[in-house]
Protein backbone atom coordinates (compact mmCIF):
# COMPACT_ATOMS: atom_id res chain seq x y z
CA MET A 1 21.76 15.33 -0.97
CA HIS A 2 21.93 15.14 2.82
CA ASP A 3 18.94 17.42 3.48
CA GLN A 4 16.16 15.49 1.78
CA SER A 5 13.56 18.06 2.82
CA ALA A 6 15.43 20.69 0.77
CA LEU A 7 15.33 18.37 -2.26
CA LEU A 8 11.57 17.84 -1.96
CA ALA A 9 10.99 21.55 -1.33
CA SER A 10 12.87 22.36 -4.56
CA ILE A 11 10.74 19.80 -6.45
CA ALA A 12 7.63 21.46 -4.98
CA ARG A 13 8.77 24.96 -5.97
CA GLN A 14 9.48 23.86 -9.55
CA ALA A 15 6.10 22.12 -9.75
CA MET A 16 4.34 25.27 -8.51
CA LEU A 17 6.09 27.56 -10.97
CA ALA A 18 5.33 25.17 -13.83
CA ARG A 19 1.61 25.45 -12.99
CA GLY A 20 1.44 29.22 -12.61
CA LEU A 21 1.52 29.26 -8.80
CA GLN A 22 3.78 31.55 -6.75
CA PRO A 23 5.96 29.81 -4.13
CA ASP A 24 7.19 33.12 -2.67
CA PHE A 25 5.59 36.35 -1.51
CA SER A 26 6.57 39.46 -3.47
CA PRO A 27 8.72 42.09 -1.73
CA GLU A 28 5.62 44.32 -1.72
CA ALA A 29 3.54 41.66 0.05
CA GLN A 30 6.31 41.08 2.60
CA LYS A 31 6.58 44.83 3.20
CA GLN A 32 2.81 45.04 3.71
CA ALA A 33 2.93 42.14 6.19
CA ASP A 34 5.82 43.73 8.12
CA ALA A 35 3.81 46.95 8.52
CA LEU A 36 0.63 45.27 9.77
CA ALA A 37 -0.24 45.54 13.44
CA ALA A 38 -2.84 43.85 15.62
CA PRO A 39 -6.38 44.02 14.23
CA ALA A 40 -8.94 46.50 15.59
CA ASP A 41 -10.72 45.44 18.76
CA GLY A 42 -14.14 45.44 17.09
CA HIS A 43 -15.88 47.50 19.77
CA ASP A 44 -19.04 47.61 17.62
CA ALA A 45 -19.19 43.78 17.34
CA ARG A 46 -21.10 41.57 19.81
CA ASP A 47 -19.05 40.55 22.82
CA LEU A 48 -19.06 36.72 23.10
CA ARG A 49 -15.71 36.34 24.83
CA ASP A 50 -17.24 34.69 27.90
CA LEU A 51 -18.38 31.60 25.97
CA LEU A 52 -16.46 28.28 26.05
CA TRP A 53 -14.82 28.73 22.64
CA CYS A 54 -12.07 26.26 21.66
CA SER A 55 -10.23 25.21 18.51
CA ILE A 56 -9.61 21.64 17.33
CA ASP A 57 -7.13 21.20 14.50
CA ASN A 58 -4.14 19.13 13.39
CA ASP A 59 -1.50 18.60 16.07
CA ASP A 60 0.96 20.91 14.29
CA SER A 61 -1.49 23.55 12.97
CA ARG A 62 -0.67 27.15 13.78
CA ASP A 63 -3.18 28.82 11.43
CA LEU A 64 -6.41 28.52 13.43
CA ASP A 65 -9.39 29.39 11.26
CA GLN A 66 -12.31 28.46 13.49
CA LEU A 67 -13.59 28.03 17.03
CA SER A 68 -16.81 26.34 18.11
CA VAL A 69 -19.18 26.24 21.07
CA ALA A 70 -22.62 24.71 21.77
CA ALA A 71 -25.58 25.50 24.03
CA ASP A 72 -28.34 23.07 25.04
CA LEU A 73 -31.72 24.69 24.28
CA GLY A 74 -33.77 21.85 25.79
CA ASP A 75 -36.14 19.37 24.09
CA GLY A 76 -33.22 18.01 22.05
CA ALA A 77 -32.44 21.29 20.26
CA VAL A 78 -28.87 22.60 20.32
CA ARG A 79 -27.45 25.99 19.36
CA ILE A 80 -24.11 25.80 17.57
CA MET A 81 -21.83 28.78 17.05
CA VAL A 82 -18.76 28.68 14.83
CA ALA A 83 -16.38 31.65 14.92
CA VAL A 84 -14.24 32.10 11.79
CA ALA A 85 -11.10 34.25 11.51
CA ASP A 86 -11.74 37.73 10.09
CA VAL A 87 -8.92 37.81 7.52
CA ASP A 88 -10.56 40.67 5.61
CA GLY A 89 -10.08 42.85 8.72
CA LEU A 90 -6.38 43.06 7.79
CA VAL A 91 -6.13 41.88 4.17
CA LYS A 92 -7.94 44.40 1.99
CA ARG A 93 -8.88 43.77 -1.61
CA GLY A 94 -6.27 44.78 -4.19
CA THR A 95 -3.33 44.89 -1.75
CA PRO A 96 -0.11 42.94 -2.50
CA ILE A 97 -1.00 40.18 0.02
CA ASP A 98 -4.47 39.90 -1.51
CA ASP A 99 -2.93 39.68 -5.00
CA HIS A 100 -0.75 36.73 -3.88
CA ALA A 101 -3.72 35.00 -2.24
CA ARG A 102 -5.84 35.53 -5.35
CA THR A 103 -3.14 33.99 -7.56
CA ASN A 104 -2.62 30.79 -5.53
CA THR A 105 -6.15 30.69 -4.01
CA THR A 106 -5.06 28.14 -1.38
CA SER A 107 -2.27 27.11 0.97
CA ILE A 108 -0.30 24.27 -0.60
CA TYR A 109 0.67 21.41 1.71
CA THR A 110 3.61 19.37 0.44
CA ALA A 111 5.62 16.65 2.17
CA ALA A 112 8.59 18.95 2.79
CA LYS A 113 7.12 22.42 3.10
CA ILE A 114 3.86 24.30 3.44
CA PHE A 115 3.43 27.23 1.06
CA PRO A 116 0.89 29.36 2.96
CA MET A 117 -1.65 31.52 1.12
CA LEU A 118 -0.97 34.36 3.57
CA PRO A 119 2.33 35.42 5.19
CA GLU A 120 2.85 33.55 8.46
CA LYS A 121 2.75 36.78 10.47
CA LEU A 122 -0.94 36.84 9.50
CA SER A 123 -2.02 33.20 9.24
CA THR A 124 -0.31 32.03 12.45
CA ASP A 125 -0.65 35.25 14.46
CA LEU A 126 -2.66 38.35 13.53
CA THR A 127 -5.50 36.56 11.68
CA SER A 128 -5.31 33.26 13.58
CA LEU A 129 -7.79 32.59 16.42
CA ASN A 130 -4.94 31.84 18.80
CA GLU A 131 -5.29 30.51 22.32
CA ASN A 132 -5.88 33.14 25.03
CA GLU A 133 -6.22 35.96 22.47
CA ASP A 134 -9.20 38.27 21.93
CA ARG A 135 -10.21 38.38 18.28
CA VAL A 136 -13.00 39.74 16.10
CA ALA A 137 -14.54 36.88 14.12
CA VAL A 138 -17.33 36.14 11.69
CA VAL A 139 -19.79 34.05 13.72
CA ILE A 140 -22.12 31.54 12.06
CA ASP A 141 -24.92 30.81 14.52
CA TYR A 142 -27.59 28.12 14.00
CA VAL A 143 -30.01 25.79 15.78
CA VAL A 144 -29.88 22.03 15.20
CA ALA A 145 -33.18 20.21 15.70
CA PRO A 146 -33.37 16.81 17.48
CA ASP A 147 -33.36 15.01 14.09
CA GLY A 148 -30.08 16.68 13.05
CA SER A 149 -31.61 19.23 10.66
CA VAL A 150 -30.50 22.87 10.77
CA ARG A 151 -33.56 24.90 11.72
CA SER A 152 -32.40 28.51 11.57
CA GLY A 153 -29.21 30.43 11.00
CA ASP A 154 -27.63 33.86 11.32
CA VAL A 155 -24.24 35.45 10.58
CA TYR A 156 -22.71 38.42 12.43
CA LEU A 157 -19.42 39.84 13.74
CA ALA A 158 -18.41 39.16 17.35
CA ARG A 159 -15.46 39.35 19.71
CA VAL A 160 -14.32 35.89 20.80
CA HIS A 161 -11.63 34.34 23.00
CA ASN A 162 -10.10 30.88 22.39
CA ARG A 163 -10.00 29.10 25.78
CA ALA A 164 -8.13 25.99 24.57
CA LYS A 165 -6.11 25.03 21.48
CA LEU A 166 -6.88 21.32 21.07
CA ALA A 167 -5.68 18.65 18.63
CA TYR A 168 -7.67 16.07 16.66
CA ASN A 169 -5.82 12.98 17.84
CA SER A 170 -5.98 13.52 21.60
CA VAL A 171 -9.56 14.86 21.54
CA GLY A 172 -10.61 12.00 19.25
CA MET A 173 -9.12 9.36 21.56
CA TRP A 174 -10.97 10.92 24.51
CA LEU A 175 -14.32 11.20 22.70
CA GLU A 176 -14.00 7.56 21.63
CA GLY A 177 -13.37 6.48 25.26
CA LYS A 178 -9.79 5.36 24.54
CA ALA A 179 -7.97 7.97 26.65
CA GLU A 180 -8.39 10.50 29.43
CA PRO A 181 -9.39 14.02 28.40
CA PRO A 182 -6.44 16.26 27.43
CA ALA A 183 -5.30 18.51 30.30
CA LYS A 184 -6.41 21.64 28.44
CA ILE A 185 -10.01 20.36 28.49
CA THR A 186 -10.06 19.60 32.21
CA GLN A 187 -8.50 22.98 33.03
CA VAL A 188 -11.50 24.87 31.60
CA ARG A 189 -14.63 24.35 33.67
CA GLY A 190 -17.54 23.04 31.59
CA LEU A 191 -15.50 22.51 28.40
CA ALA A 192 -15.65 18.68 28.52
CA ASP A 193 -19.47 18.69 28.67
CA ASN A 194 -19.63 21.31 25.93
CA LEU A 195 -17.43 19.26 23.60
CA LYS A 196 -19.53 16.15 24.24
CA LEU A 197 -22.65 18.15 23.34
CA GLN A 198 -20.95 19.34 20.11
CA ASP A 199 -19.98 15.72 19.34
CA ARG A 200 -23.52 14.36 19.87
CA THR A 201 -24.97 17.16 17.73
CA ALA A 202 -22.46 16.55 14.94
CA ASP A 203 -23.34 12.83 15.03
CA LYS A 204 -27.03 13.66 14.49
CA MET A 205 -26.24 15.96 11.56
CA ARG A 206 -24.00 13.31 10.00
CA GLU A 207 -26.62 10.57 10.39
CA LEU A 208 -29.20 12.75 8.65
CA ARG A 209 -26.81 13.50 5.76
CA HIS A 210 -26.12 9.78 5.39
CA GLU A 211 -29.86 9.11 5.22
CA HIS A 212 -29.89 11.58 2.31
CA GLY A 213 -26.96 9.83 0.63
CA ALA A 214 -23.76 11.50 1.90
CA LEU A 215 -20.78 9.36 0.84
CA GLU A 216 -18.34 7.92 3.37
CA LEU A 217 -15.06 7.65 1.48
CA GLU A 218 -11.59 6.71 2.70
CA THR A 219 -8.60 7.60 0.56
CA ILE A 220 -4.97 7.22 1.63
CA GLU A 221 -2.89 10.40 1.86
CA PRO A 222 0.43 9.52 3.51
CA GLN A 223 2.08 12.08 5.82
CA ALA A 224 5.85 12.46 5.83
CA VAL A 225 7.80 11.73 9.03
CA TRP A 226 11.09 13.66 9.24
CA SER A 227 14.19 13.38 11.40
CA ASP A 228 16.89 16.07 10.98
CA GLY A 229 16.01 16.73 7.35
CA THR A 230 15.83 13.01 6.47
CA LEU A 231 12.58 11.31 5.47
CA VAL A 232 12.25 8.27 7.74
CA ASP A 233 8.67 7.08 7.15
CA LEU A 234 5.26 7.73 5.63
CA THR A 235 2.22 7.24 7.84
CA THR A 236 -1.54 7.50 7.40
CA GLU A 237 -3.83 9.09 9.95
CA ALA A 238 -7.11 7.42 10.81
CA ARG A 239 -10.27 9.49 10.97
CA THR A 240 -11.29 10.33 14.51
CA ASN A 241 -14.48 11.51 16.21
CA ALA A 242 -12.86 14.91 16.59
CA LYS A 243 -12.22 15.26 12.84
CA ASN A 244 -15.78 14.15 12.10
CA LEU A 245 -17.11 16.64 14.65
CA ILE A 246 -15.34 19.62 13.06
CA GLU A 247 -16.16 18.47 9.52
CA ASP A 248 -19.88 18.23 10.32
CA LEU A 249 -20.00 21.61 12.04
CA MET A 250 -18.24 23.18 9.04
CA ILE A 251 -20.58 21.55 6.49
CA ALA A 252 -23.58 22.95 8.39
CA SER A 253 -21.90 26.37 8.79
CA ASN A 254 -21.17 26.60 5.07
CA GLY A 255 -24.81 25.79 4.34
CA VAL A 256 -26.01 28.52 6.72
CA THR A 257 -23.65 31.04 5.08
CA ALA A 258 -24.86 30.16 1.57
CA ARG A 259 -28.54 30.52 2.57
CA PHE A 260 -27.85 33.77 4.47
CA LEU A 261 -26.33 35.43 1.39
CA THR A 262 -29.03 34.06 -0.92
CA SER A 263 -31.72 35.46 1.42
CA LYS A 264 -30.16 38.90 0.86
CA LYS A 265 -30.84 38.51 -2.88
CA ILE A 266 -27.22 38.51 -4.01
CA PRO A 267 -25.29 35.96 -6.15
CA THR A 268 -23.23 33.47 -4.14
CA LEU A 269 -19.95 31.68 -4.78
CA ARG A 270 -20.90 28.03 -4.25
CA ARG A 271 -18.79 24.91 -3.90
CA VAL A 272 -20.45 22.12 -5.90
CA VAL A 273 -19.93 18.51 -6.93
CA ARG A 274 -22.31 17.83 -9.78
CA SER A 275 -24.43 14.72 -10.15
CA PRO A 276 -21.92 12.38 -11.85
CA GLU A 277 -21.99 12.19 -15.65
CA ARG A 278 -19.85 9.05 -15.42
CA TRP A 279 -22.48 7.15 -13.41
CA ASP A 280 -22.11 4.28 -15.89
CA ARG A 281 -18.52 3.88 -14.73
CA ILE A 282 -19.67 3.75 -11.08
CA GLU A 283 -22.33 1.18 -12.07
CA LYS A 284 -19.61 -0.97 -13.66
CA ILE A 285 -17.38 -0.71 -10.55
CA ALA A 286 -20.31 -2.00 -8.50
CA ALA A 287 -21.18 -4.71 -11.04
CA ASP A 288 -17.59 -5.98 -11.01
CA LEU A 289 -18.04 -6.49 -7.26
CA GLY A 290 -21.29 -8.37 -7.76
CA GLU A 291 -23.55 -5.43 -6.82
CA LYS A 292 -26.23 -3.57 -8.78
CA LEU A 293 -26.80 0.19 -8.69
CA PRO A 294 -29.79 2.05 -10.22
CA PRO A 295 -29.37 3.25 -13.84
CA ASP A 296 -29.53 6.95 -12.83
CA PRO A 297 -27.33 8.79 -10.28
CA ASP A 298 -28.57 7.89 -6.81
CA ALA A 299 -26.51 9.19 -3.88
CA ARG A 300 -28.33 7.10 -1.30
CA ALA A 301 -27.88 3.82 -3.22
CA LEU A 302 -24.18 4.64 -3.73
CA SER A 303 -23.78 5.49 -0.03
CA GLU A 304 -25.33 2.15 1.01
CA PHE A 305 -23.14 0.27 -1.50
CA LEU A 306 -20.02 1.93 -0.06
CA ALA A 307 -21.03 1.09 3.50
CA ARG A 308 -21.48 -2.59 2.55
CA ARG A 309 -18.12 -2.71 0.77
CA HIS A 310 -16.32 -1.07 3.69
CA LYS A 311 -17.67 -3.77 5.98
CA ALA A 312 -16.97 -6.61 3.54
CA ASP A 313 -13.47 -5.61 2.43
CA PRO A 314 -11.82 -2.86 4.53
CA LEU A 315 -8.38 -3.65 3.05
CA ARG A 316 -9.39 -2.66 -0.48
CA PHE A 317 -11.87 0.06 0.50
CA PRO A 318 -9.36 2.96 0.02
CA ASP A 319 -8.82 1.85 -3.58
CA LEU A 320 -12.57 1.55 -4.18
CA SER A 321 -13.00 5.02 -2.64
CA LEU A 322 -10.37 6.48 -4.99
CA ALA A 323 -12.06 4.91 -8.03
CA ILE A 324 -15.40 6.41 -6.96
CA VAL A 325 -13.84 9.84 -6.32
CA LYS A 326 -12.32 9.84 -9.83
CA SER A 327 -15.67 8.86 -11.35
CA LEU A 328 -17.59 11.52 -9.41
CA GLY A 329 -15.48 14.31 -10.81
CA ALA A 330 -13.80 17.14 -8.96
CA GLY A 331 -15.46 19.81 -6.91
CA GLU A 332 -15.69 23.23 -8.50
CA TYR A 333 -16.68 26.80 -7.71
CA VAL A 334 -19.70 28.30 -9.46
CA VAL A 335 -21.79 31.45 -9.05
CA GLU A 336 -25.49 30.91 -8.34
CA ASP A 337 -28.17 33.60 -8.47
CA PRO A 338 -30.86 33.87 -5.79
CA GLY A 339 -33.93 31.93 -6.90
CA GLU A 340 -31.85 29.62 -9.13
CA ALA A 341 -32.12 25.88 -8.34
CA PRO A 342 -28.85 24.99 -6.52
CA ILE A 343 -26.56 22.40 -8.13
CA GLY A 344 -25.63 21.13 -4.67
CA HIS A 345 -22.81 18.88 -3.49
CA PHE A 346 -23.43 15.26 -4.53
CA GLY A 347 -20.79 13.77 -2.21
CA LEU A 348 -22.01 15.59 0.91
CA ALA A 349 -25.71 15.24 0.00
CA VAL A 350 -26.37 18.93 0.66
CA ARG A 351 -28.14 21.47 -1.54
CA ASP A 352 -26.62 24.71 -0.25
CA TYR A 353 -22.87 24.80 0.21
CA THR A 354 -20.16 27.43 0.01
CA HIS A 355 -16.64 27.74 1.42
CA SER A 356 -16.55 30.21 4.30
CA THR A 357 -14.79 28.55 7.26
CA ALA A 358 -11.06 28.64 6.34
CA PRO A 359 -10.10 32.14 5.09
CA ASN A 360 -6.47 31.81 6.26
CA ARG A 361 -6.04 28.88 3.87
CA ARG A 362 -8.56 29.36 1.01
CA PHE A 363 -9.29 32.46 -1.09
CA PRO A 364 -12.96 31.59 -1.88
CA ASP A 365 -13.66 31.85 1.87
CA LEU A 366 -12.15 35.35 1.94
CA ILE A 367 -14.30 36.36 -1.06
CA THR A 368 -17.40 35.09 0.77
CA HIS A 369 -16.43 36.96 3.97
CA ARG A 370 -16.12 40.22 2.04
CA MET A 371 -19.61 39.65 0.64
CA LEU A 372 -20.96 38.85 4.13
CA LYS A 373 -19.38 41.95 5.68
CA ALA A 374 -20.81 44.17 2.92
CA VAL A 375 -24.28 42.84 3.81
CA LEU A 376 -23.65 43.36 7.54
CA ASN A 377 -22.29 46.89 7.00
CA GLY A 378 -24.99 47.84 4.51
CA SER A 379 -22.32 48.70 1.94
CA GLN A 380 -22.01 47.92 -1.77
CA GLN A 381 -21.06 44.37 -2.72
CA PRO A 382 -17.27 44.14 -3.34
CA TYR A 383 -17.52 42.00 -6.50
CA SER A 384 -19.69 42.29 -9.58
CA LYS A 385 -21.41 39.19 -10.96
CA ALA A 386 -18.87 39.09 -13.83
CA GLU A 387 -15.94 39.33 -11.41
CA LEU A 388 -17.39 36.51 -9.29
CA VAL A 389 -17.81 34.26 -12.34
CA ALA A 390 -14.17 34.87 -13.38
CA LEU A 391 -12.96 34.26 -9.81
CA ALA A 392 -14.96 31.02 -9.56
CA ALA A 393 -13.28 29.66 -12.71
CA HIS A 394 -9.84 30.80 -11.55
CA CYS A 395 -10.24 29.31 -8.05
CA THR A 396 -11.28 25.96 -9.57
CA GLU A 397 -8.25 25.92 -11.90
CA ALA A 398 -5.76 27.03 -9.24
CA GLU A 399 -7.06 24.47 -6.75
CA ASP A 400 -6.60 21.76 -9.36
CA ALA A 401 -3.02 22.98 -9.97
CA ALA A 402 -2.34 22.96 -6.20
CA ASN A 403 -3.71 19.41 -5.89
CA ARG A 404 -1.42 18.28 -8.73
CA VAL A 405 1.59 19.84 -7.01
CA GLU A 406 0.74 18.09 -3.72
CA ARG A 407 0.25 14.77 -5.51
CA GLN A 408 3.51 15.11 -7.45
CA VAL A 409 5.48 15.82 -4.26
CA ARG A 410 3.79 12.88 -2.46
CA LYS A 411 5.01 10.59 -5.26
CA SER A 412 8.51 12.06 -5.07
CA ALA A 413 8.51 11.60 -1.27
CA ALA A 414 7.53 7.94 -1.69
CA ALA A 415 10.33 7.41 -4.20
CA LEU A 416 12.79 9.20 -1.90
CA LEU A 417 11.86 7.00 1.05
CA LEU A 418 12.37 3.84 -1.03
CA GLN A 419 15.56 4.80 -2.89
CA SER A 420 17.79 3.05 -0.34
CA ARG A 421 15.61 -0.08 -0.35
CA ILE A 422 16.13 -1.41 -3.89
CA GLY A 423 15.72 -5.20 -3.88
CA GLU A 424 13.45 -5.29 -0.80
CA GLN A 425 10.16 -7.20 -1.00
CA TYR A 426 6.66 -6.09 -0.03
CA ASP A 427 3.08 -7.32 0.21
CA GLY A 428 0.49 -5.30 -1.65
CA VAL A 429 -2.76 -5.16 -3.57
CA VAL A 430 -3.30 -4.40 -7.27
CA THR A 431 -5.02 -0.99 -7.63
CA GLY A 432 -5.08 -0.64 -11.41
CA ALA A 433 -4.78 -2.91 -14.43
CA SER A 434 -5.21 -1.59 -17.96
CA GLU A 435 -3.36 -1.15 -21.24
CA LYS A 436 -1.45 1.73 -19.60
CA GLY A 437 0.03 -0.63 -17.02
CA THR A 438 -0.53 -2.43 -13.75
CA TRP A 439 -0.29 -0.62 -10.42
CA VAL A 440 0.19 -1.96 -6.93
CA ARG A 441 -0.22 -0.36 -3.51
CA VAL A 442 2.09 -1.83 -0.90
CA PHE A 443 0.90 -1.79 2.69
CA HIS A 444 3.91 -0.41 4.51
CA PRO A 445 5.09 2.13 3.70
CA PRO A 446 1.77 3.17 2.05
CA VAL A 447 3.07 3.83 -1.47
CA GLU A 448 1.96 2.97 -4.99
CA GLY A 449 4.11 1.93 -7.92
CA LYS A 450 4.04 0.26 -11.31
CA VAL A 451 4.50 -3.47 -11.83
CA VAL A 452 6.92 -3.45 -14.77
CA ARG A 453 7.78 -7.17 -14.61
CA GLY A 454 5.47 -10.12 -14.02
CA SER A 455 2.21 -8.22 -14.38
CA GLU A 456 0.58 -10.73 -16.74
CA GLY A 457 -2.80 -11.92 -15.49
CA LEU A 458 -2.95 -9.52 -12.55
CA ASP A 459 -6.26 -7.78 -11.92
CA VAL A 460 -7.56 -5.10 -9.57
CA GLY A 461 -7.87 -6.42 -6.03
CA ASP A 462 -5.34 -9.24 -6.37
CA ARG A 463 -3.00 -9.66 -3.41
CA VAL A 464 0.61 -9.71 -4.62
CA HIS A 465 4.20 -10.00 -3.42
CA VAL A 466 6.56 -7.59 -5.19
CA LYS A 467 10.24 -6.63 -5.25
CA LEU A 468 11.39 -3.02 -5.59
CA LEU A 469 13.39 -2.59 -8.81
CA SER A 470 14.04 1.15 -9.16
CA VAL A 471 12.88 4.66 -8.28
CA ASP A 472 13.11 8.11 -9.88
CA VAL A 473 12.71 10.76 -7.17
CA ARG A 474 12.21 13.83 -9.39
CA ALA A 475 9.65 12.07 -11.60
CA GLY A 476 8.07 10.27 -8.64
CA TYR A 477 8.32 6.84 -10.31
CA ILE A 478 8.47 3.58 -8.36
CA ASP A 479 8.89 0.28 -10.29
CA PHE A 480 8.17 -3.21 -8.93
CA ALA A 481 8.46 -6.78 -10.18
CA GLN A 482 6.00 -9.44 -9.05
CA THR A 483 7.74 -12.22 -7.19
CA HIS A 484 6.49 -15.52 -5.82
CA ARG A 485 7.35 -16.61 -2.33
């Protein structure tokens, strides 16, 4: 097939349908989207349009969920405000668009095509915090103390205006001193200083979380590079200061949101990663590397172990990270009552955590916004406790299905890229060795496959030289033979 993106898109669609996800919007949802007009101007909301709001997202993102701004309060304290798109302003509960979003619960990002949770007229326009547009947003407002702790927090509706649509890579290079500031930053007076203040504040929050045991993991998720419908490469993006900045502001914002709702004595939809039941497996991973972890789950000890391993062996750190992620178990959504001891998020080392900062892309965030707005309006809560519990279970299951679709298409993309390279040789590292088989990750392109010939005696971490034997694009299989130079 000439158009390889069409092939991968069809694989993605089949994978979605097989897992109960909807690749297409219903005619009713499309009709609803066509009829929607610009959101209300929010005349009763606070007017914060004069602040130095900006967005930082992926280079190609068009669905802008959040803006941020900081203010120096003196004595090392900083006020952070995060404005989040008010999707509920246009997508009401029980409408056809809401039904689609509730089914899929998330946008699904595959190598060939994005399957958005909301129609693009919404997610990239009417409910996106687009540059130079006035929007009503849910604002999460908190003070960060000099030690990086969040001292106080509030949530309210406000009118905002995005002064600059910025991208992770260029902002990250500038913050790290490797490039000049992007033109959009220099064109807005005071924005450079404001972003540096946000960056310093995020650093303090991150350092404090690491002291409490937040885990620094690094897994490889290759991005497809296309040219006229042909897949030409797979690349990996390094983490940048800009990505860290946004991640830390969002973690704090989600904590403020969770505590705000709990303070109003209502159940909350939390995002949790439980203390790992498979800690013995993590202990063994460490022991195999000559390290000793405590007998009971200890986030701080695990965090320090990971930091040492990253320094000692950066090449194999992504594979170690993946093994730890699998042993930790997946994140899930649960409902917690006020007064109940929070389960918390083991990987982030935070006690209070919800999802509330990406309602264009995730349904749990939209649920949380509806609960927030009911509190702010003094109206009845939109979901009963029983409905929330059912939604939490459904969102967990649908997210897992979406992750499986994305993973399946990544494997198919890797096989597609390599199908014309049968017989070529690669350097790699063994990532798995068990009765089920031996797996190798080659360095470029960053793909993983099975060693079907010459795997005897290979163990995890061994450096190997392999030859590509065969691929199966639809199944996502890649087979190698070990060769000796």
